[in-house]
Amino acid sequence: MLWLAVMPLASEKNKHGFRTRYHVGQLDQLSSIRSGDAQEVDETYQVTHLKGKVQEQAEKIQEQAEGIEVANNKIDELVEAKEKQRTLASVMAFLKHQGFTG
């Protein structure tokens, strides 16, 4: 039995960043579709797809890192404010002990 096959070739960009053209030809067996060029295109698609996923994850990680940095800066500000408050309270206690009234 002859099968008519449409095999993508990597040459024109599609939504995944590939450039695709199609080669139409007759195949002796359906299993021949996964040979040579088609398998290479599939592997290239998979690699490109995975690279895209890695890039998405890297962007998410970067956003999380930026959020963590903002939170850490806020924590530092709060710690400094608390230290100033303790210092002021200590000075006030010292002055009160010395007889000064506020």
PDB file of N, CA and C in Angstrom:
ATOM      1  N   MET A   1       0.849  -1.174   0.000  1.00  0.00           N
ATOM      2  CA  MET A   1       0.000   0.000   0.000  1.00  0.00           C
ATOM      3  C   MET A   1       0.893   1.234   0.000  1.00  0.00           C
ATOM      4  N   LEU A   2       0.536   2.231  -0.757  1.00  0.00           N
ATOM      5  CA  LEU A   2       1.280   3.472  -0.804  1.00  0.00           C
ATOM      6  C   LEU A   2       0.571   4.514   0.044  1.00  0.00           C
ATOM      7  N   TRP A   3       1.362   5.260   0.753  1.00  0.00           N
ATOM      8  CA  TRP A   3       0.844   6.340   1.576  1.00  0.00           C
ATOM      9  C   TRP A   3       1.342   7.655   1.004  1.00  0.00           C
ATOM     10  N   LEU A   4       0.512   8.643   1.044  1.00  0.00           N
ATOM     11  CA  LEU A   4       0.926   9.975   0.644  1.00  0.00           C
ATOM     12  C   LEU A   4       1.292  10.708   1.939  1.00  0.00           C
ATOM     13  N   ALA A   5       2.511  11.207   1.999  1.00  0.00           N
ATOM     14  CA  ALA A   5       2.974  11.824   3.237  1.00  0.00           C
ATOM     15  C   ALA A   5       3.302  13.279   3.021  1.00  0.00           C
ATOM     16  N   VAL A   6       2.970  14.075   4.012  1.00  0.00           N
ATOM     17  CA  VAL A   6       3.354  15.480   4.041  1.00  0.00           C
ATOM     18  C   VAL A   6       4.333  15.620   5.193  1.00  0.00           C
ATOM     19  N   MET A   7       5.584  15.892   4.858  1.00  0.00           N
ATOM     20  CA  MET A   7       6.637  15.950   5.879  1.00  0.00           C
ATOM     21  C   MET A   7       7.119  17.382   6.041  1.00  0.00           C
ATOM     22  N   PRO A   8       7.121  17.902   7.269  1.00  0.00           N
ATOM     23  CA  PRO A   8       7.617  19.257   7.476  1.00  0.00           C
ATOM     24  C   PRO A   8       9.135  19.300   7.348  1.00  0.00           C
ATOM     25  N   LEU A   9       9.610  20.357   6.763  1.00  0.00           N
ATOM     26  CA  LEU A   9      11.046  20.608   6.679  1.00  0.00           C
ATOM     27  C   LEU A   9      11.315  21.919   7.409  1.00  0.00           C
ATOM     28  N   ALA A  10      12.380  21.999   8.159  1.00  0.00           N
ATOM     29  CA  ALA A  10      12.657  23.211   8.940  1.00  0.00           C
ATOM     30  C   ALA A  10      13.167  24.309   8.024  1.00  0.00           C
ATOM     31  N   SER A  11      12.292  25.253   7.674  1.00  0.00           N
ATOM     32  CA  SER A  11      12.760  26.357   6.847  1.00  0.00           C
ATOM     33  C   SER A  11      11.969  27.649   7.002  1.00  0.00           C
ATOM     34  N   GLU A  12      10.707  27.613   7.465  1.00  0.00           N
ATOM     35  CA  GLU A  12       9.930  28.832   7.646  1.00  0.00           C
ATOM     36  C   GLU A  12       9.393  28.879   9.065  1.00  0.00           C
ATOM     37  N   LYS A  13       9.389  30.078   9.682  1.00  0.00           N
ATOM     38  CA  LYS A  13       8.987  30.185  11.085  1.00  0.00           C
ATOM     39  C   LYS A  13       7.489  29.957  11.277  1.00  0.00           C
ATOM     40  N   ASN A  14       7.178  29.167  12.287  1.00  0.00           N
ATOM     41  CA  ASN A  14       5.794  29.013  12.731  1.00  0.00           C
ATOM     42  C   ASN A  14       5.703  29.592  14.142  1.00  0.00           C
ATOM     43  N   LYS A  15       4.615  29.343  14.865  1.00  0.00           N
ATOM     44  CA  LYS A  15       4.437  29.953  16.181  1.00  0.00           C
ATOM     45  C   LYS A  15       5.472  29.483  17.196  1.00  0.00           C
ATOM     46  N   HIS A  16       6.179  28.417  16.918  1.00  0.00           N
ATOM     47  CA  HIS A  16       7.200  27.916  17.836  1.00  0.00           C
ATOM     48  C   HIS A  16       8.591  28.369  17.434  1.00  0.00           C
ATOM     49  N   GLY A  17       8.690  29.252  16.473  1.00  0.00           N
ATOM     50  CA  GLY A  17       9.988  29.758  16.062  1.00  0.00           C
ATOM     51  C   GLY A  17      10.638  28.964  14.947  1.00  0.00           C
ATOM     52  N   PHE A  18       9.925  27.977  14.413  1.00  0.00           N
ATOM     53  CA  PHE A  18      10.472  27.183  13.324  1.00  0.00           C
ATOM     54  C   PHE A  18      10.028  27.751  11.993  1.00  0.00           C
ATOM     55  N   ARG A  19      10.856  27.573  11.025  1.00  0.00           N
ATOM     56  CA  ARG A  19      10.448  27.858   9.660  1.00  0.00           C
ATOM     57  C   ARG A  19      10.063  26.500   9.069  1.00  0.00           C
ATOM     58  N   THR A  20       8.846  26.385   8.603  1.00  0.00           N
ATOM     59  CA  THR A  20       8.410  25.097   8.082  1.00  0.00           C
ATOM     60  C   THR A  20       7.958  25.207   6.635  1.00  0.00           C
ATOM     61  N   ARG A  21       8.352  24.223   5.870  1.00  0.00           N
ATOM     62  CA  ARG A  21       7.854  23.983   4.521  1.00  0.00           C
ATOM     63  C   ARG A  21       7.427  22.532   4.514  1.00  0.00           C
ATOM     64  N   TYR A  22       6.638  22.170   3.557  1.00  0.00           N
ATOM     65  CA  TYR A  22       6.168  20.789   3.512  1.00  0.00           C
ATOM     66  C   TYR A  22       6.617  20.106   2.235  1.00  0.00           C
ATOM     67  N   HIS A  23       7.024  18.890   2.416  1.00  0.00           N
ATOM     68  CA  HIS A  23       7.450  18.056   1.291  1.00  0.00           C
ATOM     69  C   HIS A  23       6.397  16.969   1.132  1.00  0.00           C
ATOM     70  N   VAL A  24       5.815  16.880  -0.051  1.00  0.00           N
ATOM     71  CA  VAL A  24       4.790  15.875  -0.302  1.00  0.00           C
ATOM     72  C   VAL A  24       5.416  14.782  -1.157  1.00  0.00           C
ATOM     73  N   GLY A  25       5.250  13.570  -0.725  1.00  0.00           N
ATOM     74  CA  GLY A  25       5.809  12.464  -1.490  1.00  0.00           C
ATOM     75  C   GLY A  25       5.110  11.163  -1.155  1.00  0.00           C
ATOM     76  N   GLN A  26       5.393  10.119  -1.928  1.00  0.00           N
ATOM     77  CA  GLN A  26       4.811   8.809  -1.674  1.00  0.00           C
ATOM     78  C   GLN A  26       5.767   7.993  -0.820  1.00  0.00           C
ATOM     79  N   LEU A  27       5.194   7.261   0.111  1.00  0.00           N
ATOM     80  CA  LEU A  27       5.981   6.391   0.976  1.00  0.00           C
ATOM     81  C   LEU A  27       5.479   4.966   0.825  1.00  0.00           C
ATOM     82  N   ASP A  28       6.404   4.020   0.876  1.00  0.00           N
ATOM     83  CA  ASP A  28       6.001   2.626   0.776  1.00  0.00           C
ATOM     84  C   ASP A  28       5.326   2.146   2.049  1.00  0.00           C
ATOM     85  N   GLN A  29       5.756   2.663   3.184  1.00  0.00           N
ATOM     86  CA  GLN A  29       5.185   2.244   4.454  1.00  0.00           C
ATOM     87  C   GLN A  29       4.941   3.465   5.323  1.00  0.00           C
ATOM     88  N   LEU A  30       3.909   3.393   6.142  1.00  0.00           N
ATOM     89  CA  LEU A  30       3.582   4.495   7.038  1.00  0.00           C
ATOM     90  C   LEU A  30       4.729   4.770   8.002  1.00  0.00           C
ATOM     91  N   SER A  31       5.447   3.741   8.415  1.00  0.00           N
ATOM     92  CA  SER A  31       6.538   3.917   9.379  1.00  0.00           C
ATOM     93  C   SER A  31       7.668   4.773   8.814  1.00  0.00           C
ATOM     94  N   SER A  32       7.720   4.917   7.496  1.00  0.00           N
ATOM     95  CA  SER A  32       8.772   5.718   6.886  1.00  0.00           C
ATOM     96  C   SER A  32       8.619   7.202   7.199  1.00  0.00           C
ATOM     97  N   ILE A  33       7.445   7.615   7.642  1.00  0.00           N
ATOM     98  CA  ILE A  33       7.210   9.023   7.959  1.00  0.00           C
ATOM     99  C   ILE A  33       8.190   9.501   9.014  1.00  0.00           C
ATOM    100  N   ARG A  34       8.553   8.645   9.950  1.00  0.00           N
ATOM    101  CA  ARG A  34       9.423   9.048  11.050  1.00  0.00           C
ATOM    102  C   ARG A  34      10.900   8.880  10.712  1.00  0.00           C
ATOM    103  N   SER A  35      11.248   8.868   9.476  1.00  0.00           N
ATOM    104  CA  SER A  35      12.650   8.674   9.116  1.00  0.00           C
ATOM    105  C   SER A  35      13.357  10.000   8.960  1.00  0.00           C
ATOM    106  N   GLY A  36      14.655   9.957   8.978  1.00  0.00           N
ATOM    107  CA  GLY A  36      15.552  11.056   8.656  1.00  0.00           C
ATOM    108  C   GLY A  36      15.098  12.454   8.954  1.00  0.00           C
ATOM    109  N   ASP A  37      14.665  13.176   7.895  1.00  0.00           N
ATOM    110  CA  ASP A  37      14.327  14.590   8.011  1.00  0.00           C
ATOM    111  C   ASP A  37      13.204  14.838   9.009  1.00  0.00           C
ATOM    112  N   ALA A  38      12.166  14.024   8.962  1.00  0.00           N
ATOM    113  CA  ALA A  38      11.030  14.228   9.862  1.00  0.00           C
ATOM    114  C   ALA A  38      11.462  14.056  11.309  1.00  0.00           C
ATOM    115  N   GLN A  39      12.283  13.066  11.570  1.00  0.00           N
ATOM    116  CA  GLN A  39      12.753  12.834  12.931  1.00  0.00           C
ATOM    117  C   GLN A  39      13.640  13.994  13.380  1.00  0.00           C
ATOM    118  N   GLU A  40      14.465  14.492  12.487  1.00  0.00           N
ATOM    119  CA  GLU A  40      15.334  15.622  12.814  1.00  0.00           C
ATOM    120  C   GLU A  40      14.510  16.871  13.111  1.00  0.00           C
ATOM    121  N   VAL A  41      13.468  17.107  12.324  1.00  0.00           N
ATOM    122  CA  VAL A  41      12.597  18.256  12.553  1.00  0.00           C
ATOM    123  C   VAL A  41      11.898  18.102  13.892  1.00  0.00           C
ATOM    124  N   ASP A  42      11.431  16.905  14.197  1.00  0.00           N
ATOM    125  CA  ASP A  42      10.759  16.650  15.467  1.00  0.00           C
ATOM    126  C   ASP A  42      11.712  16.907  16.624  1.00  0.00           C
ATOM    127  N   GLU A  43      12.933  16.428  16.524  1.00  0.00           N
ATOM    128  CA  GLU A  43      13.924  16.641  17.585  1.00  0.00           C
ATOM    129  C   GLU A  43      14.263  18.124  17.714  1.00  0.00           C
ATOM    130  N   THR A  44      14.369  18.816  16.595  1.00  0.00           N
ATOM    131  CA  THR A  44      14.647  20.259  16.623  1.00  0.00           C
ATOM    132  C   THR A  44      13.486  20.990  17.284  1.00  0.00           C
ATOM    133  N   TYR A  45      12.271  20.601  16.958  1.00  0.00           N
ATOM    134  CA  TYR A  45      11.094  21.197  17.585  1.00  0.00           C
ATOM    135  C   TYR A  45      11.128  20.965  19.095  1.00  0.00           C
ATOM    136  N   GLN A  46      11.426  19.736  19.504  1.00  0.00           N
ATOM    137  CA  GLN A  46      11.465  19.414  20.926  1.00  0.00           C
ATOM    138  C   GLN A  46      12.529  20.246  21.643  1.00  0.00           C
ATOM    139  N   VAL A  47      13.701  20.369  21.041  1.00  0.00           N
ATOM    140  CA  VAL A  47      14.779  21.156  21.652  1.00  0.00           C
ATOM    141  C   VAL A  47      14.353  22.612  21.766  1.00  0.00           C
ATOM    142  N   THR A  48      13.786  23.157  20.707  1.00  0.00           N
ATOM    143  CA  THR A  48      13.344  24.552  20.732  1.00  0.00           C
ATOM    144  C   THR A  48      12.238  24.745  21.761  1.00  0.00           C
ATOM    145  N   HIS A  49      11.324  23.797  21.819  1.00  0.00           N
ATOM    146  CA  HIS A  49      10.238  23.862  22.797  1.00  0.00           C
ATOM    147  C   HIS A  49      10.804  23.842  24.213  1.00  0.00           C
ATOM    148  N   LEU A  50      11.752  22.967  24.463  1.00  0.00           N
ATOM    149  CA  LEU A  50      12.360  22.878  25.798  1.00  0.00           C
ATOM    150  C   LEU A  50      13.150  24.146  26.127  1.00  0.00           C
ATOM    151  N   LYS A  51      13.840  24.701  25.128  1.00  0.00           N
ATOM    152  CA  LYS A  51      14.562  25.957  25.356  1.00  0.00           C
ATOM    153  C   LYS A  51      13.582  27.057  25.753  1.00  0.00           C
ATOM    154  N   GLY A  52      12.434  27.075  25.100  1.00  0.00           N
ATOM    155  CA  GLY A  52      11.403  28.057  25.446  1.00  0.00           C
ATOM    156  C   GLY A  52      10.908  27.884  26.875  1.00  0.00           C
ATOM    157  N   LYS A  53      10.698  26.625  27.275  1.00  0.00           N
ATOM    158  CA  LYS A  53      10.261  26.337  28.645  1.00  0.00           C
ATOM    159  C   LYS A  53      11.330  26.764  29.648  1.00  0.00           C
ATOM    160  N   VAL A  54      12.591  26.490  29.336  1.00  0.00           N
ATOM    161  CA  VAL A  54      13.685  26.890  30.216  1.00  0.00           C
ATOM    162  C   VAL A  54      13.720  28.404  30.345  1.00  0.00           C
ATOM    163  N   GLN A  55      13.531  29.113  29.231  1.00  0.00           N
ATOM    164  CA  GLN A  55      13.523  30.579  29.257  1.00  0.00           C
ATOM    165  C   GLN A  55      12.377  31.092  30.115  1.00  0.00           C
ATOM    166  N   GLU A  56      11.191  30.484  29.987  1.00  0.00           N
ATOM    167  CA  GLU A  56      10.046  30.884  30.805  1.00  0.00           C
ATOM    168  C   GLU A  56      10.355  30.702  32.286  1.00  0.00           C
ATOM    169  N   GLN A  57      10.943  29.548  32.625  1.00  0.00           N
ATOM    170  CA  GLN A  57      11.288  29.285  34.022  1.00  0.00           C
ATOM    171  C   GLN A  57      12.335  30.272  34.521  1.00  0.00           C
ATOM    172  N   ALA A  58      13.317  30.593  33.683  1.00  0.00           N
ATOM    173  CA  ALA A  58      14.357  31.557  34.071  1.00  0.00           C
ATOM    174  C   ALA A  58      13.733  32.920  34.349  1.00  0.00           C
ATOM    175  N   GLU A  59      12.762  33.323  33.529  1.00  0.00           N
ATOM    176  CA  GLU A  59      12.082  34.596  33.736  1.00  0.00           C
ATOM    177  C   GLU A  59      11.289  34.586  35.030  1.00  0.00           C
ATOM    178  N   LYS A  60      10.604  33.480  35.323  1.00  0.00           N
ATOM    179  CA  LYS A  60       9.852  33.369  36.573  1.00  0.00           C
ATOM    180  C   LYS A  60      10.793  33.430  37.772  1.00  0.00           C
ATOM    181  N   ILE A  61      11.907  32.745  37.681  1.00  0.00           N
ATOM    182  CA  ILE A  61      12.891  32.751  38.762  1.00  0.00           C
ATOM    183  C   ILE A  61      13.434  34.159  38.968  1.00  0.00           C
ATOM    184  N   GLN A  62      13.713  34.866  37.873  1.00  0.00           N
ATOM    185  CA  GLN A  62      14.204  36.239  37.965  1.00  0.00           C
ATOM    186  C   GLN A  62      13.171  37.137  38.653  1.00  0.00           C
ATOM    187  N   GLU A  63      11.896  36.988  38.283  1.00  0.00           N
ATOM    188  CA  GLU A  63      10.842  37.772  38.921  1.00  0.00           C
ATOM    189  C   GLU A  63      10.758  37.466  40.408  1.00  0.00           C
ATOM    190  N   GLN A  64      10.867  36.182  40.764  1.00  0.00           N
ATOM    191  CA  GLN A  64      10.827  35.796  42.171  1.00  0.00           C
ATOM    192  C   GLN A  64      12.025  36.369  42.919  1.00  0.00           C
ATOM    193  N   ALA A  65      13.199  36.337  42.287  1.00  0.00           N
ATOM    194  CA  ALA A  65      14.404  36.877  42.920  1.00  0.00           C
ATOM    195  C   ALA A  65      14.242  38.372  43.171  1.00  0.00           C
ATOM    196  N   GLU A  66      13.661  39.075  42.209  1.00  0.00           N
ATOM    197  CA  GLU A  66      13.432  40.512  42.386  1.00  0.00           C
ATOM    198  C   GLU A  66      12.453  40.764  43.531  1.00  0.00           C
ATOM    199  N   GLY A  67      11.407  39.955  43.621  1.00  0.00           N
ATOM    200  CA  GLY A  67      10.441  40.075  44.716  1.00  0.00           C
ATOM    201  C   GLY A  67      11.088  39.798  46.062  1.00  0.00           C
ATOM    202  N   ILE A  68      11.953  38.805  46.100  1.00  0.00           N
ATOM    203  CA  ILE A  68      12.661  38.474  47.334  1.00  0.00           C
ATOM    204  C   ILE A  68      13.588  39.615  47.737  1.00  0.00           C
ATOM    205  N   GLU A  69      14.259  40.217  46.751  1.00  0.00           N
ATOM    206  CA  GLU A  69      15.157  41.341  47.032  1.00  0.00           C
ATOM    207  C   GLU A  69      14.376  42.520  47.611  1.00  0.00           C
ATOM    208  N   VAL A  70      13.207  42.812  47.058  1.00  0.00           N
ATOM    209  CA  VAL A  70      12.366  43.894  47.577  1.00  0.00           C
ATOM    210  C   VAL A  70      11.950  43.583  49.017  1.00  0.00           C
ATOM    211  N   ALA A  71      11.540  42.338  49.261  1.00  0.00           N
ATOM    212  CA  ALA A  71      11.129  41.940  50.607  1.00  0.00           C
ATOM    213  C   ALA A  71      12.300  42.035  51.586  1.00  0.00           C
ATOM    214  N   ASN A  72      13.491  41.601  51.154  1.00  0.00           N
ATOM    215  CA  ASN A  72      14.667  41.687  52.026  1.00  0.00           C
ATOM    216  C   ASN A  72      15.005  43.139  52.347  1.00  0.00           C
ATOM    217  N   ASN A  73      14.885  44.037  51.368  1.00  0.00           N
ATOM    218  CA  ASN A  73      15.135  45.458  51.611  1.00  0.00           C
ATOM    219  C   ASN A  73      14.151  46.008  52.634  1.00  0.00           C
ATOM    220  N   LYS A  74      12.887  45.621  52.524  1.00  0.00           N
ATOM    221  CA  LYS A  74      11.872  46.069  53.474  1.00  0.00           C
ATOM    222  C   LYS A  74      12.189  45.537  54.872  1.00  0.00           C
ATOM    223  N   ILE A  75      12.612  44.292  54.967  1.00  0.00           N
ATOM    224  CA  ILE A  75      12.994  43.710  56.262  1.00  0.00           C
ATOM    225  C   ILE A  75      14.157  44.489  56.858  1.00  0.00           C
ATOM    226  N   ASP A  76      15.162  44.812  56.034  1.00  0.00           N
ATOM    227  CA  ASP A  76      16.306  45.601  56.513  1.00  0.00           C
ATOM    228  C   ASP A  76      15.844  46.950  57.057  1.00  0.00           C
ATOM    229  N   GLU A  77      14.926  47.613  56.348  1.00  0.00           N
ATOM    230  CA  GLU A  77      14.396  48.898  56.800  1.00  0.00           C
ATOM    231  C   GLU A  77      13.690  48.753  58.147  1.00  0.00           C
ATOM    232  N   LEU A  78      12.902  47.677  58.286  1.00  0.00           N
ATOM    233  CA  LEU A  78      12.177  47.457  59.536  1.00  0.00           C
ATOM    234  C   LEU A  78      13.134  47.151  60.689  1.00  0.00           C
ATOM    235  N   VAL A  79      14.167  46.389  60.418  1.00  0.00           N
ATOM    236  CA  VAL A  79      15.165  46.075  61.450  1.00  0.00           C
ATOM    237  C   VAL A  79      15.873  47.354  61.899  1.00  0.00           C
ATOM    238  N   GLU A  80      16.272  48.200  60.942  1.00  0.00           N
ATOM    239  CA  GLU A  80      16.916  49.479  61.287  1.00  0.00           C
ATOM    240  C   GLU A  80      15.982  50.357  62.117  1.00  0.00           C
ATOM    241  N   ALA A  81      14.694  50.414  61.733  1.00  0.00           N
ATOM    242  CA  ALA A  81      13.725  51.218  62.479  1.00  0.00           C
ATOM    243  C   ALA A  81      13.565  50.686  63.901  1.00  0.00           C
ATOM    244  N   LYS A  82      13.542  49.368  64.031  1.00  0.00           N
ATOM    245  CA  LYS A  82      13.407  48.756  65.365  1.00  0.00           C
ATOM    246  C   LYS A  82      14.637  49.059  66.212  1.00  0.00           C
ATOM    247  N   GLU A  83      15.830  49.004  65.619  1.00  0.00           N
ATOM    248  CA  GLU A  83      17.057  49.328  66.348  1.00  0.00           C
ATOM    249  C   GLU A  83      17.050  50.792  66.807  1.00  0.00           C
ATOM    250  N   LYS A  84      16.593  51.699  65.937  1.00  0.00           N
ATOM    251  CA  LYS A  84      16.498  53.115  66.306  1.00  0.00           C
ATOM    252  C   LYS A  84      15.503  53.303  67.447  1.00  0.00           C
ATOM    253  N   GLN A  85      14.396  52.562  67.364  1.00  0.00           N
ATOM    254  CA  GLN A  85      13.373  52.649  68.412  1.00  0.00           C
ATOM    255  C   GLN A  85      13.941  52.177  69.749  1.00  0.00           C
ATOM    256  N   ARG A  86      14.696  51.080  69.734  1.00  0.00           N
ATOM    257  CA  ARG A  86      15.312  50.570  70.966  1.00  0.00           C
ATOM    258  C   ARG A  86      16.325  51.567  71.525  1.00  0.00           C
ATOM    259  N   THR A  87      17.126  52.160  70.616  1.00  0.00           N
ATOM    260  CA  THR A  87      18.117  53.147  71.048  1.00  0.00           C
ATOM    261  C   THR A  87      17.417  54.344  71.682  1.00  0.00           C
ATOM    262  N   LEU A  88      16.361  54.824  71.051  1.00  0.00           N
ATOM    263  CA  LEU A  88      15.613  55.955  71.587  1.00  0.00           C
ATOM    264  C   LEU A  88      14.993  55.604  72.940  1.00  0.00           C
ATOM    265  N   ALA A  89      14.436  54.416  73.039  1.00  0.00           N
ATOM    266  CA  ALA A  89      13.841  53.975  74.304  1.00  0.00           C
ATOM    267  C   ALA A  89      14.904  53.891  75.392  1.00  0.00           C
ATOM    268  N   SER A  90      16.091  53.427  75.019  1.00  0.00           N
ATOM    269  CA  SER A  90      17.194  53.343  75.981  1.00  0.00           C
ATOM    270  C   SER A  90      17.614  54.725  76.451  1.00  0.00           C
ATOM    271  N   VAL A  91      17.729  55.682  75.531  1.00  0.00           N
ATOM    272  CA  VAL A  91      18.090  57.058  75.877  1.00  0.00           C
ATOM    273  C   VAL A  91      17.019  57.666  76.780  1.00  0.00           C
ATOM    274  N   MET A  92      15.745  57.454  76.430  1.00  0.00           N
ATOM    275  CA  MET A  92      14.640  57.978  77.236  1.00  0.00           C
ATOM    276  C   MET A  92      14.669  57.393  78.647  1.00  0.00           C
ATOM    277  N   ALA A  93      14.939  56.094  78.757  1.00  0.00           N
ATOM    278  CA  ALA A  93      15.017  55.462  80.078  1.00  0.00           C
ATOM    279  C   ALA A  93      16.176  56.045  80.885  1.00  0.00           C
ATOM    280  N   PHE A  94      17.314  56.273  80.234  1.00  0.00           N
ATOM    281  CA  PHE A  94      18.473  56.872  80.906  1.00  0.00           C
ATOM    282  C   PHE A  94      18.142  58.275  81.418  1.00  0.00           C
ATOM    283  N   LEU A  95      17.524  59.083  80.536  1.00  0.00           N
ATOM    284  CA  LEU A  95      17.177  60.460  80.939  1.00  0.00           C
ATOM    285  C   LEU A  95      16.165  60.464  82.078  1.00  0.00           C
ATOM    286  N   LYS A  96      15.191  59.574  81.987  1.00  0.00           N
ATOM    287  CA  LYS A  96      14.173  59.476  83.059  1.00  0.00           C
ATOM    288  C   LYS A  96      14.853  59.092  84.372  1.00  0.00           C
ATOM    289  N   HIS A  97      15.806  58.175  84.303  1.00  0.00           N
ATOM    290  CA  HIS A  97      16.550  57.715  85.489  1.00  0.00           C
ATOM    291  C   HIS A  97      17.373  58.885  86.066  1.00  0.00           C
ATOM    292  N   GLN A  98      17.832  59.801  85.207  1.00  0.00           N
ATOM    293  CA  GLN A  98      18.618  60.940  85.639  1.00  0.00           C
ATOM    294  C   GLN A  98      17.749  62.077  86.171  1.00  0.00           C
ATOM    295  N   GLY A  99      16.453  61.906  86.064  1.00  0.00           N
ATOM    296  CA  GLY A  99      15.554  62.908  86.611  1.00  0.00           C
ATOM    297  C   GLY A  99      14.929  63.835  85.592  1.00  0.00           C
ATOM    298  N   PHE A 100      15.234  63.648  84.351  1.00  0.00           N
ATOM    299  CA  PHE A 100      14.613  64.483  83.321  1.00  0.00           C
ATOM    300  C   PHE A 100      13.218  63.951  83.052  1.00  0.00           C
ATOM    301  N   THR A 101      12.282  64.866  82.840  1.00  0.00           N
ATOM    302  CA  THR A 101      10.930  64.452  82.484  1.00  0.00           C
ATOM    303  C   THR A 101      10.607  64.968  81.086  1.00  0.00           C
ATOM    304  N   GLY A 102       9.871  64.240  80.389  1.00  0.00           N
ATOM    305  CA  GLY A 102       9.641  64.586  79.002  1.00  0.00           C
ATOM    306  C   GLY A 102       8.307  65.056  78.758  1.00  0.00           C
TER     307      GLY A 102
END
